């Protein structure tokens, strides 16, 4: 990718992208808070409107793409590093293809910006961290030239050391770095091998366990037709193991982790023997991708114990 250079000329007006009405008695999904929000059709115009005050970076991602997960994690880290100088808005292009169409994006992952309601294409596919940082710096420069200099409220500045400089990040362990490099190259088998090597050296390596669980999830989702999975499970019996395992993976990958946990716990309750053990093991694998001590994890562990005994 060449040195970034962008402007607002010829940008397309996004105001024509309207949201469908919310279902009766329901509410549009929340966009969250802080420097990172999840975008739906219902919240899209609100996010675009915020670009009048603060630059918005749009992360167009797909739960089927491991590269999307890696890029999203990098962007989220940078959102914290920049201390609210831009808003990171994540959009699931499988669930909301209209958003991808509005930015004229053909595939995920892709990254765009919005300044004063005008979309700006930035790049597509994984990029090195420093190149992404350079692109964001250019977005901030263009935003400032157009009078958009606000910050996301409630976001703290990054920590500094005693000399007033930002604390340098410690290098990753070699097996973790090797796994991340493999993920960037879309080589999930190599990533899995790197995480497994770390676990052979240290079976208690929590980061390697979580990374391997994420990679295994990506491998299971590879090639799946998401819409077909959701259509099938909507018509499936409560004890249809294959349908509910696939649906739980899709839900976990798209951030609906509580729904995935609930689905698998229900499957444990209505199955027996090998089927029950498969549901239990899949649930334990998904537990690994959630931060230890999170409310969702604690609740699911209690419910699993009740379901089993």
Protein backbone atom coordinates (compact mmCIF):
# COMPACT_ATOMS: atom_id res chain seq x y z
CA UNK A 1 0.00 0.00 0.00
CA UNK A 2 1.44 3.37 -1.00
CA UNK A 3 1.82 6.35 1.32
CA UNK A 4 -1.75 7.37 2.25
CA UNK A 5 -3.18 10.54 0.77
CA UNK A 6 -6.90 11.25 0.91
CA UNK A 7 -9.33 14.12 0.49
CA UNK A 8 -13.06 14.76 0.54
CA UNK A 9 -13.61 15.37 -3.17
CA UNK A 10 -15.94 13.03 -4.93
CA UNK A 11 -17.03 11.30 -1.75
CA UNK A 12 -20.47 9.72 -1.80
CA UNK A 13 -23.32 10.91 0.42
CA UNK A 14 -24.30 8.15 2.82
CA UNK A 15 -27.62 9.68 3.81
CA UNK A 16 -29.51 7.50 1.32
CA UNK A 17 -28.74 4.39 3.36
CA UNK A 18 -31.88 4.14 5.46
CA UNK A 19 -32.59 1.65 8.20
CA UNK A 20 -35.58 -0.66 8.14
CA UNK A 21 -38.12 -0.09 10.88
CA UNK A 22 -37.49 -1.98 14.10
CA UNK A 23 -39.77 -4.98 14.57
CA UNK A 24 -42.92 -4.33 16.61
CA UNK A 25 -42.15 -4.34 20.30
CA UNK A 26 -38.41 -4.58 19.63
CA UNK A 27 -35.49 -2.20 19.76
CA UNK A 28 -32.58 -1.64 17.47
CA UNK A 29 -29.42 -3.29 18.77
CA UNK A 30 -27.28 -1.02 20.91
CA UNK A 31 -24.19 0.43 19.29
CA UNK A 32 -22.27 0.24 22.57
CA UNK A 33 -20.12 3.02 23.91
CA UNK A 34 -16.58 4.35 24.22
CA UNK A 35 -14.19 4.54 21.30
CA UNK A 36 -15.52 1.32 19.72
CA UNK A 37 -19.14 0.73 18.65
CA UNK A 38 -20.93 -2.00 16.71
CA UNK A 39 -23.00 -0.65 13.83
CA UNK A 40 -26.41 -1.86 12.67
CA UNK A 41 -28.70 -0.41 10.03
CA UNK A 42 -30.64 1.23 12.85
CA UNK A 43 -27.55 2.93 14.32
CA UNK A 44 -25.69 3.63 11.07
CA UNK A 45 -26.99 7.17 10.51
CA UNK A 46 -26.23 8.07 14.12
CA UNK A 47 -22.63 6.98 13.60
CA UNK A 48 -22.40 8.95 10.34
CA UNK A 49 -23.77 12.01 12.15
CA UNK A 50 -21.03 11.71 14.77
CA UNK A 51 -18.45 12.12 11.99
CA UNK A 52 -19.31 15.83 12.00
CA UNK A 53 -17.58 16.07 15.40
CA UNK A 54 -15.06 13.22 15.47
CA UNK A 55 -13.46 11.19 12.64
CA UNK A 56 -15.04 7.75 12.22
CA UNK A 57 -13.11 4.67 11.09
CA UNK A 58 -15.42 1.98 9.68
CA UNK A 59 -14.27 -1.63 10.17
CA UNK A 60 -16.17 -3.72 7.60
CA UNK A 61 -15.75 -7.24 8.90
CA UNK A 62 -17.08 -10.76 8.43
CA UNK A 63 -17.31 -13.37 11.21
CA UNK A 64 -16.35 -15.99 8.59
CA UNK A 65 -12.97 -14.35 8.01
CA UNK A 66 -10.13 -14.91 10.51
CA UNK A 67 -8.34 -11.98 8.87
CA UNK A 68 -11.31 -9.81 9.89
CA UNK A 69 -10.88 -10.83 13.51
CA UNK A 70 -7.17 -10.05 13.48
CA UNK A 71 -7.66 -6.67 11.78
CA UNK A 72 -10.50 -5.77 14.14
CA UNK A 73 -8.29 -6.54 17.13
CA UNK A 74 -5.54 -4.30 15.73
CA UNK A 75 -7.98 -1.45 15.09
CA UNK A 76 -9.43 -1.80 18.57
CA UNK A 77 -5.95 -1.58 20.07
CA UNK A 78 -5.26 1.57 18.04
CA UNK A 79 -8.60 3.07 19.10
CA UNK A 80 -7.42 2.81 22.70
CA UNK A 81 -3.94 4.02 21.82
CA UNK A 82 -5.31 7.20 20.18
CA UNK A 83 -7.37 8.00 23.26
CA UNK A 84 -10.67 8.81 21.55
CA UNK A 85 -9.30 10.93 18.70
CA UNK A 86 -11.37 8.75 16.37
CA UNK A 87 -14.43 6.52 16.72
CA UNK A 88 -14.06 2.92 15.56
CA UNK A 89 -17.35 1.61 14.15
CA UNK A 90 -17.49 -2.13 13.41
CA UNK A 91 -20.02 -3.41 10.85
CA UNK A 92 -20.79 -7.07 10.16
CA UNK A 93 -21.11 -7.17 6.37
CA UNK A 94 -22.75 -10.61 6.45
CA UNK A 95 -25.56 -9.34 8.66
CA UNK A 96 -25.75 -5.88 7.03
CA UNK A 97 -24.60 -6.13 3.38
CA UNK A 98 -26.24 -2.75 2.69
CA UNK A 99 -23.49 -1.05 4.69
CA UNK A 100 -20.77 -2.69 2.59
CA UNK A 101 -22.66 -1.69 -0.56
CA UNK A 102 -22.85 1.92 0.64
CA UNK A 103 -19.05 2.01 0.78
CA UNK A 104 -18.79 0.10 -2.53
CA UNK A 105 -16.79 -2.63 -0.81
CA UNK A 106 -16.76 -6.06 -2.45
CA UNK A 107 -15.27 -8.13 0.38
CA UNK A 108 -14.17 -8.16 3.99
CA UNK A 109 -12.15 -7.14 5.80
CA UNK A 110 -12.05 -3.57 4.53
CA UNK A 111 -11.59 -0.23 6.25
CA UNK A 112 -13.10 3.13 5.36
CA UNK A 113 -13.41 6.48 7.10
CA UNK A 114 -16.25 8.96 7.40
CA UNK A 115 -15.59 12.70 7.86
CA UNK A 116 -18.50 15.13 7.93
CA UNK A 117 -20.77 12.42 6.58
CA UNK A 118 -18.52 11.69 3.61
CA UNK A 119 -17.05 8.18 3.14
CA UNK A 120 -13.39 7.70 2.29
CA UNK A 121 -12.00 4.30 1.19
CA UNK A 122 -8.79 3.46 3.04
CA UNK A 123 -7.64 -0.13 2.45
CA UNK A 124 -8.81 -3.71 2.07
CA UNK A 125 -7.37 -6.81 3.72
CA UNK A 126 -4.79 -7.10 6.53
CA UNK A 127 -2.03 -4.49 6.67
CA UNK A 128 1.05 -4.04 8.89
CA UNK A 129 0.38 -2.20 12.14
CA UNK A 130 2.60 0.76 11.27
CA UNK A 131 0.92 1.18 7.89
CA UNK A 132 -2.50 1.21 9.54
CA UNK A 133 -1.26 3.79 12.05
CA UNK A 134 0.02 5.94 9.15
CA UNK A 135 -3.39 5.74 7.45
CA UNK A 136 -5.15 6.78 10.66
CA UNK A 137 -2.76 9.70 11.08
CA UNK A 138 -3.65 10.82 7.57
CA UNK A 139 -7.37 10.54 8.36
CA UNK A 140 -6.87 12.72 11.45
CA UNK A 141 -4.94 15.27 9.38
CA UNK A 142 -7.70 15.49 6.76
CA UNK A 143 -10.33 15.67 9.49
CA UNK A 144 -8.51 18.57 11.15
CA UNK A 145 -8.26 20.40 7.82
CA UNK A 146 -12.05 20.10 7.58
CA UNK A 147 -12.67 21.27 11.13
CA UNK A 148 -13.36 17.85 12.67
CA UNK A 149 -11.19 17.82 15.78
CA UNK A 150 -13.48 16.43 18.50
CA UNK A 151 -12.86 13.40 20.69
CA UNK A 152 -14.99 10.50 21.89
CA UNK A 153 -16.17 11.33 25.39
CA UNK A 154 -15.20 9.11 28.29
CA UNK A 155 -12.09 7.64 26.66
CA UNK A 156 -8.89 7.95 28.65
CA UNK A 157 -5.56 8.95 27.16
CA UNK A 158 -3.00 6.12 26.90
CA UNK A 159 -0.76 5.64 29.93
CA UNK A 160 2.64 7.33 29.95
CA UNK A 161 5.80 6.33 31.75
CA UNK A 162 7.66 8.53 34.26
CA UNK A 163 9.51 10.35 31.45
CA UNK A 164 6.22 11.47 29.89
CA UNK A 165 6.46 9.03 27.00
CA UNK A 166 4.01 6.30 26.13
CA UNK A 167 5.08 3.02 27.64
CA UNK A 168 6.52 0.72 24.98
CA UNK A 169 4.72 -2.56 24.44
CA UNK A 170 6.64 -5.66 25.40
CA UNK A 171 7.38 -8.00 22.49
CA UNK A 172 5.08 -10.98 22.17
CA UNK A 173 6.34 -14.48 22.95
CA UNK A 174 7.76 -16.07 19.78
CA UNK A 175 4.97 -18.67 19.41
CA UNK A 176 2.27 -16.01 19.83
CA UNK A 177 3.96 -13.71 17.30
CA UNK A 178 4.33 -16.62 14.87
CA UNK A 179 0.64 -17.42 15.24
CA UNK A 180 -0.41 -13.82 14.62
CA UNK A 181 1.85 -13.63 11.57
CA UNK A 182 0.26 -16.81 10.22
CA UNK A 183 -3.23 -15.40 10.79
CA UNK A 184 -2.28 -12.26 8.86
CA UNK A 185 -1.23 -14.53 6.00
CA UNK A 186 -4.58 -16.38 6.28
CA UNK A 187 -2.77 -19.61 7.21
CA UNK A 188 -4.90 -20.97 10.04
CA UNK A 189 -3.17 -24.34 10.09
CA UNK A 190 0.20 -22.69 10.75
CA UNK A 191 -1.37 -20.47 13.40
CA UNK A 192 -2.85 -23.51 15.13
CA UNK A 193 0.53 -25.26 15.06
CA UNK A 194 2.21 -22.21 16.65
CA UNK A 195 -0.36 -22.08 19.46
CA UNK A 196 -0.10 -25.86 19.95
CA UNK A 197 3.68 -25.57 20.17
CA UNK A 198 3.25 -23.00 22.93
CA UNK A 199 0.91 -25.34 24.81
CA UNK A 200 3.37 -28.23 24.48
CA UNK A 201 5.98 -26.03 26.14
CA UNK A 202 3.56 -24.63 28.72
CA UNK A 203 0.16 -26.36 29.04
CA UNK A 204 -1.05 -23.52 31.29
CA UNK A 205 -0.46 -20.82 28.62
CA UNK A 206 -3.85 -19.06 28.72
CA UNK A 207 -3.07 -16.83 25.72
CA UNK A 208 -2.18 -19.83 23.57
CA UNK A 209 -5.35 -21.66 24.68
CA UNK A 210 -7.51 -18.68 23.78
CA UNK A 211 -5.70 -18.18 20.48
CA UNK A 212 -6.08 -21.83 19.51
CA UNK A 213 -9.79 -21.70 20.34
CA UNK A 214 -10.19 -18.64 18.11
CA UNK A 215 -8.31 -20.30 15.26
CA UNK A 216 -10.34 -23.51 15.60
CA UNK A 217 -13.50 -21.41 15.47
CA UNK A 218 -12.24 -19.75 12.29
CA UNK A 219 -11.45 -23.10 10.72
CA UNK A 220 -14.92 -24.42 11.52
CA UNK A 221 -16.51 -21.34 9.97
CA UNK A 222 -14.36 -21.44 6.85
CA UNK A 223 -16.56 -22.16 3.84
CA UNK A 224 -19.81 -22.07 5.79
CA UNK A 225 -22.80 -20.29 4.30
CA UNK A 226 -23.86 -18.15 7.27
CA UNK A 227 -27.39 -17.55 6.00
CA UNK A 228 -27.87 -21.25 5.35
CA UNK A 229 -26.73 -22.07 8.89
CA UNK A 230 -29.20 -19.61 10.40
CA UNK A 231 -32.05 -20.78 8.18
CA UNK A 232 -31.37 -24.42 9.03
CA UNK A 233 -31.22 -23.90 12.79
CA UNK A 234 -34.46 -21.90 12.76
CA UNK A 235 -36.22 -25.02 11.48
CA UNK A 236 -34.20 -27.57 13.44
CA UNK A 237 -35.33 -29.69 16.37
CA UNK A 238 -33.99 -28.75 19.80
CA UNK A 239 -31.72 -31.84 19.81
CA UNK A 240 -30.29 -31.37 16.29
CA UNK A 241 -26.64 -31.34 17.31
CA UNK A 242 -25.07 -30.38 13.98
CA UNK A 243 -27.44 -27.47 13.40
CA UNK A 244 -27.02 -26.00 16.87
CA UNK A 245 -23.22 -26.44 16.99
CA UNK A 246 -22.88 -24.56 13.70
CA UNK A 247 -25.26 -21.82 14.81
CA UNK A 248 -23.41 -21.38 18.10
CA UNK A 249 -20.14 -20.91 16.19
CA UNK A 250 -21.72 -18.25 13.98
CA UNK A 251 -23.15 -16.45 17.01
CA UNK A 252 -19.85 -16.55 18.91
CA UNK A 253 -17.91 -15.23 15.91
CA UNK A 254 -20.37 -12.36 15.42
CA UNK A 255 -20.16 -11.23 19.05
CA UNK A 256 -23.40 -12.86 20.27
CA UNK A 257 -21.52 -14.90 22.84
CA UNK A 258 -24.32 -15.09 25.42
CA UNK A 259 -26.70 -16.43 22.77
CA UNK A 260 -24.11 -19.02 21.73
CA UNK A 261 -23.63 -20.12 25.35
CA UNK A 262 -27.38 -20.34 25.93
CA UNK A 263 -27.88 -22.40 22.76
CA UNK A 264 -25.24 -24.95 23.75
CA UNK A 265 -26.45 -25.22 27.35
CA UNK A 266 -29.95 -25.92 26.05
CA UNK A 267 -28.45 -28.57 23.76
CA UNK A 268 -26.71 -30.19 26.75
CA UNK A 269 -30.07 -30.34 28.56
CA UNK A 270 -31.93 -32.16 25.76
CA UNK A 271 -29.24 -34.61 24.61
CA UNK A 272 -27.47 -37.62 26.08
CA UNK A 273 -24.39 -39.77 25.52
CA UNK A 274 -22.00 -38.75 22.74
CA UNK A 275 -24.26 -35.93 21.54
CA UNK A 276 -24.31 -34.36 24.99
CA UNK A 277 -20.54 -34.68 25.29
CA UNK A 278 -20.05 -32.95 21.91
CA UNK A 279 -22.23 -30.05 23.03
CA UNK A 280 -20.38 -29.79 26.34
CA UNK A 281 -16.94 -29.82 24.70
CA UNK A 282 -17.93 -27.17 22.15
CA UNK A 283 -19.18 -24.98 24.99
CA UNK A 284 -15.89 -25.38 26.87
CA UNK A 285 -13.99 -24.42 23.70
CA UNK A 286 -16.05 -21.24 23.33
CA UNK A 287 -15.48 -20.44 27.01
CA UNK A 288 -11.79 -20.00 26.11
CA UNK A 289 -12.43 -17.06 23.77
CA UNK A 290 -14.11 -15.01 26.52
CA UNK A 291 -12.04 -13.07 29.10
CA UNK A 292 -11.75 -14.94 32.39
CA UNK A 293 -14.06 -13.51 35.03
CA UNK A 294 -16.47 -11.91 32.56
CA UNK A 295 -20.15 -11.93 33.67
CA UNK A 296 -21.20 -13.92 30.59
CA UNK A 297 -18.67 -16.64 31.36
CA UNK A 298 -19.51 -16.89 35.06
CA UNK A 299 -23.23 -17.13 34.29
CA UNK A 300 -22.73 -19.79 31.60
CA UNK A 301 -20.54 -21.92 33.88
CA UNK A 302 -23.22 -21.90 36.58
CA UNK A 303 -25.93 -22.83 34.07
CA UNK A 304 -23.78 -25.61 32.61
CA UNK A 305 -23.25 -27.10 36.08
CA UNK A 306 -27.01 -27.13 36.65
CA UNK A 307 -27.64 -28.65 33.21
CA UNK A 308 -25.14 -31.43 33.83
CA UNK A 309 -26.18 -32.35 37.34
